[in-house]
N, C-alpha and C. Protein backbone atom coordinates (compact mmCIF):
# COMPACT_ATOMS: atom_id res chain seq x y z
N MET A 1 0.84 -1.18 0.00
CA MET A 1 0.00 0.00 0.00
C MET A 1 0.88 1.24 0.00
N CYS A 2 0.59 2.13 -0.88
CA CYS A 2 1.38 3.33 -1.00
C CYS A 2 1.15 4.24 0.21
N GLY A 3 2.27 4.76 0.78
CA GLY A 3 2.16 5.68 1.90
C GLY A 3 2.03 4.99 3.25
N THR A 4 1.99 3.66 3.28
CA THR A 4 1.89 2.94 4.54
C THR A 4 3.28 2.54 5.01
N TYR A 5 3.60 2.83 6.24
CA TYR A 5 4.90 2.48 6.80
C TYR A 5 4.82 1.12 7.47
N ASN A 6 5.82 0.30 7.23
CA ASN A 6 5.92 -0.97 7.93
C ASN A 6 6.98 -0.81 8.99
N ASN A 7 6.58 -0.83 10.25
CA ASN A 7 7.51 -0.59 11.35
C ASN A 7 8.08 -1.86 11.96
N ASN A 8 7.82 -3.02 11.35
CA ASN A 8 8.40 -4.25 11.85
C ASN A 8 9.80 -4.41 11.28
N PRO A 9 10.75 -4.86 12.11
CA PRO A 9 12.11 -5.02 11.60
C PRO A 9 12.16 -6.06 10.48
N THR A 10 12.96 -5.78 9.49
CA THR A 10 13.15 -6.73 8.41
C THR A 10 14.20 -7.75 8.83
N VAL A 11 14.33 -8.81 8.05
CA VAL A 11 15.37 -9.80 8.31
C VAL A 11 16.74 -9.12 8.29
N LEU A 12 16.92 -8.19 7.37
CA LEU A 12 18.18 -7.46 7.27
C LEU A 12 18.44 -6.62 8.53
N ASP A 13 17.41 -5.96 9.05
CA ASP A 13 17.55 -5.18 10.29
C ASP A 13 17.99 -6.08 11.43
N ILE A 14 17.37 -7.25 11.54
CA ILE A 14 17.69 -8.19 12.61
C ILE A 14 19.11 -8.70 12.47
N ARG A 15 19.52 -9.02 11.25
CA ARG A 15 20.91 -9.48 11.02
C ARG A 15 21.91 -8.40 11.38
N ARG A 16 21.60 -7.16 11.02
CA ARG A 16 22.52 -6.06 11.32
C ARG A 16 22.68 -5.88 12.83
N ALA A 17 21.58 -5.91 13.56
CA ALA A 17 21.66 -5.77 15.02
C ALA A 17 22.45 -6.93 15.63
N LYS A 18 22.25 -8.12 15.11
CA LYS A 18 22.99 -9.29 15.62
C LYS A 18 24.48 -9.14 15.34
N ARG A 19 24.85 -8.69 14.14
CA ARG A 19 26.27 -8.47 13.81
C ARG A 19 26.88 -7.42 14.73
N GLY A 20 26.14 -6.34 14.96
CA GLY A 20 26.62 -5.30 15.87
C GLY A 20 26.81 -5.82 17.28
N ALA A 21 25.85 -6.64 17.73
CA ALA A 21 25.94 -7.22 19.07
C ALA A 21 27.15 -8.14 19.20
N GLU A 22 27.44 -8.89 18.16
CA GLU A 22 28.59 -9.80 18.19
C GLU A 22 29.91 -9.03 18.30
N ILE A 23 30.00 -7.89 17.63
CA ILE A 23 31.20 -7.06 17.75
C ILE A 23 31.31 -6.51 19.17
N LEU A 24 30.20 -6.03 19.71
CA LEU A 24 30.22 -5.52 21.08
C LEU A 24 30.59 -6.61 22.08
N ASP A 25 30.14 -7.85 21.83
CA ASP A 25 30.49 -8.96 22.72
C ASP A 25 31.99 -9.14 22.84
N ARG A 26 32.69 -9.00 21.72
CA ARG A 26 34.14 -9.20 21.71
C ARG A 26 34.88 -8.11 22.49
N GLU A 27 34.42 -6.88 22.36
CA GLU A 27 35.14 -5.76 22.96
C GLU A 27 34.62 -5.34 24.34
N PHE A 28 33.33 -5.52 24.56
CA PHE A 28 32.70 -5.06 25.80
C PHE A 28 31.75 -6.12 26.35
N PRO A 29 32.28 -7.24 26.87
CA PRO A 29 31.40 -8.30 27.39
C PRO A 29 30.42 -7.74 28.42
N GLY A 30 29.18 -8.16 28.33
CA GLY A 30 28.13 -7.71 29.25
C GLY A 30 27.53 -6.37 28.86
N TRP A 31 27.86 -5.87 27.68
CA TRP A 31 27.38 -4.56 27.22
C TRP A 31 25.87 -4.45 27.25
N GLU A 32 25.17 -5.57 27.01
CA GLU A 32 23.71 -5.52 26.92
C GLU A 32 23.06 -5.06 28.22
N HIS A 33 23.77 -5.19 29.34
CA HIS A 33 23.22 -4.76 30.63
C HIS A 33 23.48 -3.27 30.88
N GLN A 34 24.16 -2.61 29.93
CA GLN A 34 24.47 -1.19 30.06
C GLN A 34 23.54 -0.33 29.20
N ILE A 35 22.58 -0.96 28.54
CA ILE A 35 21.67 -0.25 27.64
C ILE A 35 20.34 0.04 28.33
N ASN A 36 19.91 1.28 28.23
CA ASN A 36 18.59 1.66 28.71
C ASN A 36 17.66 1.66 27.50
N LEU A 37 16.83 0.63 27.40
CA LEU A 37 15.95 0.50 26.25
C LEU A 37 14.90 1.60 26.18
N MET A 38 14.57 2.20 27.32
CA MET A 38 13.57 3.27 27.34
C MET A 38 14.08 4.53 26.63
N THR A 39 15.39 4.72 26.61
CA THR A 39 15.94 5.93 25.97
C THR A 39 16.66 5.62 24.67
N LEU A 40 16.70 4.37 24.25
CA LEU A 40 17.42 3.98 23.04
C LEU A 40 16.87 4.71 21.82
N GLU A 41 17.76 5.38 21.11
CA GLU A 41 17.39 6.10 19.89
C GLU A 41 18.57 5.97 18.92
N ILE A 42 18.37 5.22 17.86
CA ILE A 42 19.45 4.88 16.95
C ILE A 42 20.10 6.11 16.32
N ARG A 43 19.32 7.11 15.95
CA ARG A 43 19.87 8.29 15.27
C ARG A 43 20.48 9.31 16.22
N SER A 44 20.43 9.08 17.51
CA SER A 44 20.98 10.03 18.48
C SER A 44 22.41 9.65 18.85
N SER A 45 23.31 10.61 18.79
CA SER A 45 24.69 10.34 19.19
C SER A 45 24.83 10.30 20.71
N GLN A 46 23.76 10.58 21.43
CA GLN A 46 23.77 10.53 22.89
C GLN A 46 23.04 9.31 23.45
N ARG A 47 22.10 8.75 22.68
CA ARG A 47 21.26 7.67 23.20
C ARG A 47 21.30 6.39 22.36
N CYS A 48 22.18 6.34 21.35
CA CYS A 48 22.28 5.13 20.53
C CYS A 48 23.03 4.04 21.30
N VAL A 49 23.11 2.87 20.73
CA VAL A 49 23.77 1.74 21.39
C VAL A 49 25.22 2.09 21.71
N LEU A 50 25.96 2.59 20.72
CA LEU A 50 27.38 2.89 20.94
C LEU A 50 27.58 3.95 22.02
N ALA A 51 26.73 4.97 22.03
CA ALA A 51 26.86 6.04 23.02
C ALA A 51 26.60 5.52 24.43
N GLN A 52 25.58 4.67 24.58
CA GLN A 52 25.26 4.16 25.90
C GLN A 52 26.36 3.23 26.43
N VAL A 53 26.87 2.37 25.59
CA VAL A 53 27.96 1.48 26.02
C VAL A 53 29.21 2.31 26.28
N GLY A 54 29.49 3.26 25.39
CA GLY A 54 30.67 4.10 25.55
C GLY A 54 30.67 4.89 26.84
N ARG A 55 29.52 5.44 27.20
CA ARG A 55 29.41 6.20 28.45
C ARG A 55 29.79 5.33 29.64
N HIS A 56 29.35 4.10 29.62
CA HIS A 56 29.66 3.18 30.72
C HIS A 56 31.17 2.93 30.83
N HIS A 57 31.85 2.93 29.69
CA HIS A 57 33.29 2.65 29.65
C HIS A 57 34.12 3.94 29.54
N LYS A 58 33.47 5.09 29.75
CA LYS A 58 34.12 6.40 29.70
C LYS A 58 34.83 6.63 28.36
N LYS A 59 34.13 6.31 27.29
CA LYS A 59 34.66 6.52 25.94
C LYS A 59 33.71 7.42 25.16
N THR A 60 34.27 8.26 24.31
CA THR A 60 33.47 9.11 23.43
C THR A 60 32.98 8.26 22.26
N MET A 61 32.08 8.83 21.46
CA MET A 61 31.61 8.12 20.26
C MET A 61 32.78 7.84 19.33
N THR A 62 33.68 8.80 19.19
CA THR A 62 34.84 8.60 18.33
C THR A 62 35.68 7.44 18.84
N ASP A 63 35.89 7.39 20.15
CA ASP A 63 36.65 6.28 20.74
C ASP A 63 35.96 4.95 20.44
N MET A 64 34.65 4.91 20.61
CA MET A 64 33.90 3.67 20.38
C MET A 64 34.05 3.20 18.94
N VAL A 65 33.91 4.13 18.03
CA VAL A 65 34.00 3.79 16.61
C VAL A 65 35.40 3.27 16.29
N GLU A 66 36.43 3.93 16.84
CA GLU A 66 37.80 3.50 16.59
C GLU A 66 38.08 2.13 17.19
N VAL A 67 37.53 1.87 18.37
CA VAL A 67 37.72 0.57 19.02
C VAL A 67 37.07 -0.54 18.19
N LEU A 68 35.89 -0.28 17.68
CA LEU A 68 35.12 -1.33 17.02
C LEU A 68 35.43 -1.48 15.53
N PHE A 69 35.80 -0.42 14.87
CA PHE A 69 35.98 -0.50 13.42
C PHE A 69 37.29 0.13 13.00
N ASP A 70 38.00 -0.55 12.16
CA ASP A 70 39.22 -0.01 11.57
C ASP A 70 38.82 0.77 10.33
N ARG A 71 39.31 1.99 10.23
CA ARG A 71 39.00 2.81 9.05
C ARG A 71 37.49 2.86 8.80
N LEU A 72 36.80 3.41 9.75
CA LEU A 72 35.34 3.46 9.73
C LEU A 72 34.79 4.03 8.43
N GLN A 73 33.76 3.40 7.95
CA GLN A 73 33.00 3.90 6.82
C GLN A 73 31.53 3.79 7.20
N PHE A 74 30.71 4.62 6.59
CA PHE A 74 29.28 4.59 6.89
C PHE A 74 28.71 3.19 6.67
N LEU A 75 29.14 2.52 5.60
CA LEU A 75 28.60 1.19 5.31
C LEU A 75 28.87 0.22 6.45
N THR A 76 30.03 0.35 7.09
CA THR A 76 30.35 -0.52 8.21
C THR A 76 29.38 -0.28 9.36
N LEU A 77 29.15 0.97 9.69
CA LEU A 77 28.20 1.30 10.75
C LEU A 77 26.82 0.76 10.41
N ARG A 78 26.38 1.02 9.19
CA ARG A 78 25.05 0.59 8.76
C ARG A 78 24.94 -0.93 8.77
N ASP A 79 25.95 -1.61 8.28
CA ASP A 79 25.90 -3.07 8.18
C ASP A 79 25.91 -3.76 9.54
N HIS A 80 26.26 -3.02 10.59
CA HIS A 80 26.26 -3.58 11.93
C HIS A 80 25.15 -2.98 12.79
N GLY A 81 24.19 -2.32 12.17
CA GLY A 81 23.01 -1.83 12.87
C GLY A 81 23.22 -0.58 13.69
N PHE A 82 24.36 0.09 13.54
CA PHE A 82 24.62 1.29 14.33
C PHE A 82 24.19 2.57 13.62
N ALA A 83 23.75 2.45 12.38
CA ALA A 83 23.26 3.61 11.62
C ALA A 83 22.03 3.18 10.83
N ILE A 84 21.23 4.14 10.44
CA ILE A 84 19.99 3.87 9.73
C ILE A 84 20.25 3.70 8.25
N ASP A 85 19.52 2.77 7.67
CA ASP A 85 19.57 2.58 6.23
C ASP A 85 18.17 2.90 5.69
N ALA A 86 18.05 4.03 5.06
CA ALA A 86 16.75 4.42 4.52
C ALA A 86 16.81 4.47 3.01
N GLN A 87 15.85 3.84 2.38
CA GLN A 87 15.81 3.82 0.91
C GLN A 87 15.54 5.22 0.36
N ASP A 88 14.65 5.92 1.00
CA ASP A 88 14.27 7.26 0.55
C ASP A 88 14.21 8.18 1.75
N ALA A 89 14.28 9.46 1.49
CA ALA A 89 14.28 10.44 2.59
C ALA A 89 13.03 10.32 3.47
N TRP A 90 11.90 9.99 2.91
CA TRP A 90 10.66 9.90 3.70
C TRP A 90 10.66 8.67 4.60
N ASP A 91 11.58 7.76 4.40
CA ASP A 91 11.59 6.50 5.14
C ASP A 91 12.45 6.53 6.40
N TRP A 92 13.10 7.66 6.72
CA TRP A 92 13.99 7.72 7.87
C TRP A 92 13.29 7.36 9.18
N GLU A 93 12.12 7.88 9.38
CA GLU A 93 11.42 7.61 10.64
C GLU A 93 11.07 6.14 10.78
N ALA A 94 10.56 5.54 9.71
CA ALA A 94 10.21 4.11 9.75
C ALA A 94 11.47 3.26 9.92
N ALA A 95 12.56 3.65 9.27
CA ALA A 95 13.82 2.91 9.40
C ALA A 95 14.33 2.97 10.84
N GLU A 96 14.20 4.13 11.47
CA GLU A 96 14.60 4.29 12.88
C GLU A 96 13.80 3.35 13.77
N VAL A 97 12.50 3.31 13.57
CA VAL A 97 11.63 2.45 14.39
C VAL A 97 12.00 0.98 14.18
N ARG A 98 12.19 0.57 12.94
CA ARG A 98 12.53 -0.83 12.65
C ARG A 98 13.87 -1.22 13.29
N MET A 99 14.88 -0.35 13.16
CA MET A 99 16.20 -0.67 13.71
C MET A 99 16.16 -0.68 15.23
N ARG A 100 15.43 0.25 15.82
CA ARG A 100 15.31 0.26 17.29
C ARG A 100 14.63 -1.01 17.77
N ARG A 101 13.61 -1.46 17.05
CA ARG A 101 12.93 -2.70 17.43
C ARG A 101 13.84 -3.91 17.26
N ALA A 102 14.67 -3.92 16.22
CA ALA A 102 15.62 -5.02 16.03
C ALA A 102 16.62 -5.06 17.18
N TRP A 103 17.17 -3.90 17.55
CA TRP A 103 18.11 -3.84 18.67
C TRP A 103 17.43 -4.20 19.98
N THR A 104 16.21 -3.72 20.17
CA THR A 104 15.49 -4.02 21.41
C THR A 104 15.28 -5.53 21.55
N ALA A 105 14.92 -6.19 20.47
CA ALA A 105 14.74 -7.65 20.51
C ALA A 105 16.06 -8.35 20.82
N GLU A 106 17.13 -7.93 20.19
CA GLU A 106 18.45 -8.55 20.42
C GLU A 106 18.92 -8.32 21.86
N ILE A 107 18.77 -7.10 22.34
CA ILE A 107 19.21 -6.78 23.70
C ILE A 107 18.35 -7.48 24.74
N THR A 108 17.04 -7.50 24.53
CA THR A 108 16.13 -8.16 25.47
C THR A 108 16.45 -9.65 25.56
N TYR A 109 16.70 -10.27 24.41
CA TYR A 109 17.08 -11.69 24.39
C TYR A 109 18.36 -11.89 25.20
N ARG A 110 19.37 -11.06 24.97
CA ARG A 110 20.64 -11.21 25.65
C ARG A 110 20.52 -10.93 27.15
N GLN A 111 19.70 -9.96 27.52
CA GLN A 111 19.52 -9.64 28.94
C GLN A 111 18.79 -10.76 29.68
N SER A 112 17.97 -11.52 28.97
CA SER A 112 17.19 -12.58 29.61
C SER A 112 17.98 -13.87 29.79
N ARG A 113 19.11 -14.00 29.11
CA ARG A 113 19.92 -15.21 29.24
C ARG A 113 20.60 -15.22 30.60
N PRO A 114 20.74 -16.41 31.18
CA PRO A 114 21.49 -16.47 32.45
C PRO A 114 22.95 -16.11 32.19
N LYS A 115 23.53 -15.40 33.13
CA LYS A 115 24.92 -15.01 32.98
C LYS A 115 25.79 -16.27 33.11
N ALA A 116 26.75 -16.37 32.23
CA ALA A 116 27.65 -17.51 32.26
C ALA A 116 28.58 -17.39 33.46
N LYS A 117 28.79 -18.49 34.14
CA LYS A 117 29.73 -18.50 35.24
C LYS A 117 31.11 -18.81 34.68
N VAL A 118 32.05 -18.01 35.09
CA VAL A 118 33.42 -18.23 34.63
C VAL A 118 34.09 -19.20 35.59
N VAL A 119 34.55 -20.29 35.07
CA VAL A 119 35.24 -21.28 35.89
C VAL A 119 36.69 -21.29 35.47
N ILE A 120 37.55 -21.00 36.42
CA ILE A 120 38.97 -21.00 36.13
C ILE A 120 39.55 -22.30 36.66
N LYS A 121 40.05 -23.09 35.72
CA LYS A 121 40.64 -24.37 36.11
C LYS A 121 42.12 -24.16 36.39
N PRO A 122 42.60 -24.75 37.47
CA PRO A 122 44.03 -24.61 37.76
C PRO A 122 44.87 -25.33 36.71
N VAL A 123 46.00 -24.75 36.42
CA VAL A 123 46.92 -25.37 35.47
C VAL A 123 47.76 -26.38 36.23
N VAL A 124 47.76 -27.59 35.75
CA VAL A 124 48.53 -28.65 36.40
C VAL A 124 49.78 -28.91 35.56
N ALA A 125 50.91 -28.85 36.22
CA ALA A 125 52.16 -29.10 35.51
C ALA A 125 52.29 -30.60 35.25
N VAL A 126 52.51 -30.95 34.02
CA VAL A 126 52.68 -32.35 33.64
C VAL A 126 54.15 -32.56 33.33
N PRO A 127 54.78 -33.53 34.01
CA PRO A 127 56.21 -33.74 33.75
C PRO A 127 56.44 -34.20 32.31
N VAL A 128 57.49 -33.66 31.73
CA VAL A 128 57.85 -34.04 30.37
C VAL A 128 58.64 -35.34 30.45
N GLU A 129 58.19 -36.30 29.68
CA GLU A 129 58.89 -37.59 29.68
C GLU A 129 60.24 -37.42 29.00
N SER A 130 61.15 -38.29 29.34
CA SER A 130 62.50 -38.16 28.78
C SER A 130 62.48 -38.37 27.27
N GLN A 131 63.39 -37.71 26.60
CA GLN A 131 63.44 -37.78 25.16
C GLN A 131 63.82 -39.19 24.70
N LYS A 132 64.47 -39.96 25.54
CA LYS A 132 64.88 -41.32 25.14
C LYS A 132 63.66 -42.13 24.75
N ASP A 133 62.56 -41.90 25.40
CA ASP A 133 61.35 -42.67 25.08
C ASP A 133 60.86 -42.42 23.66
N TYR A 134 61.25 -41.29 23.09
CA TYR A 134 60.73 -40.93 21.79
C TYR A 134 61.77 -41.01 20.67
N GLU A 135 63.01 -41.33 21.02
CA GLU A 135 64.04 -41.42 19.99
C GLU A 135 63.85 -42.68 19.15
N LEU A 136 64.05 -42.50 17.89
CA LEU A 136 63.95 -43.66 16.99
C LEU A 136 65.30 -44.33 16.88
N THR A 137 65.26 -45.62 16.86
CA THR A 137 66.52 -46.37 16.71
C THR A 137 66.58 -46.89 15.29
N ALA A 138 67.78 -46.88 14.76
CA ALA A 138 67.95 -47.33 13.38
C ALA A 138 68.18 -48.82 13.31
């Protein structure tokens, strides 16, 4: 229908949020607990995912971008759900809603998972057997 906005996240929106979350997992474990979903706004440099995680780690947006992406390009941000991808100028608002919903679903899922317990196993020294046992005889 012409003029009707679809505010449900697309498969692409969901994939982008998941890719972004995976990058954050590597650099900032537990980041999902630092996001306030009530204030999440993808187009805001103060309330987007990167800004909220960065604030918790005392990093600016520039620092966050440098930590996460080498030689940042808009496509990289967009492909990881940190920026809006709008087909046309009139679609920015709908794109914002879809991306926010994709991130909200990803973050809510991650927040609901039980936290993994870290188990540190002691390192046991194993004696090295003598080399004579492994020498080949002619």
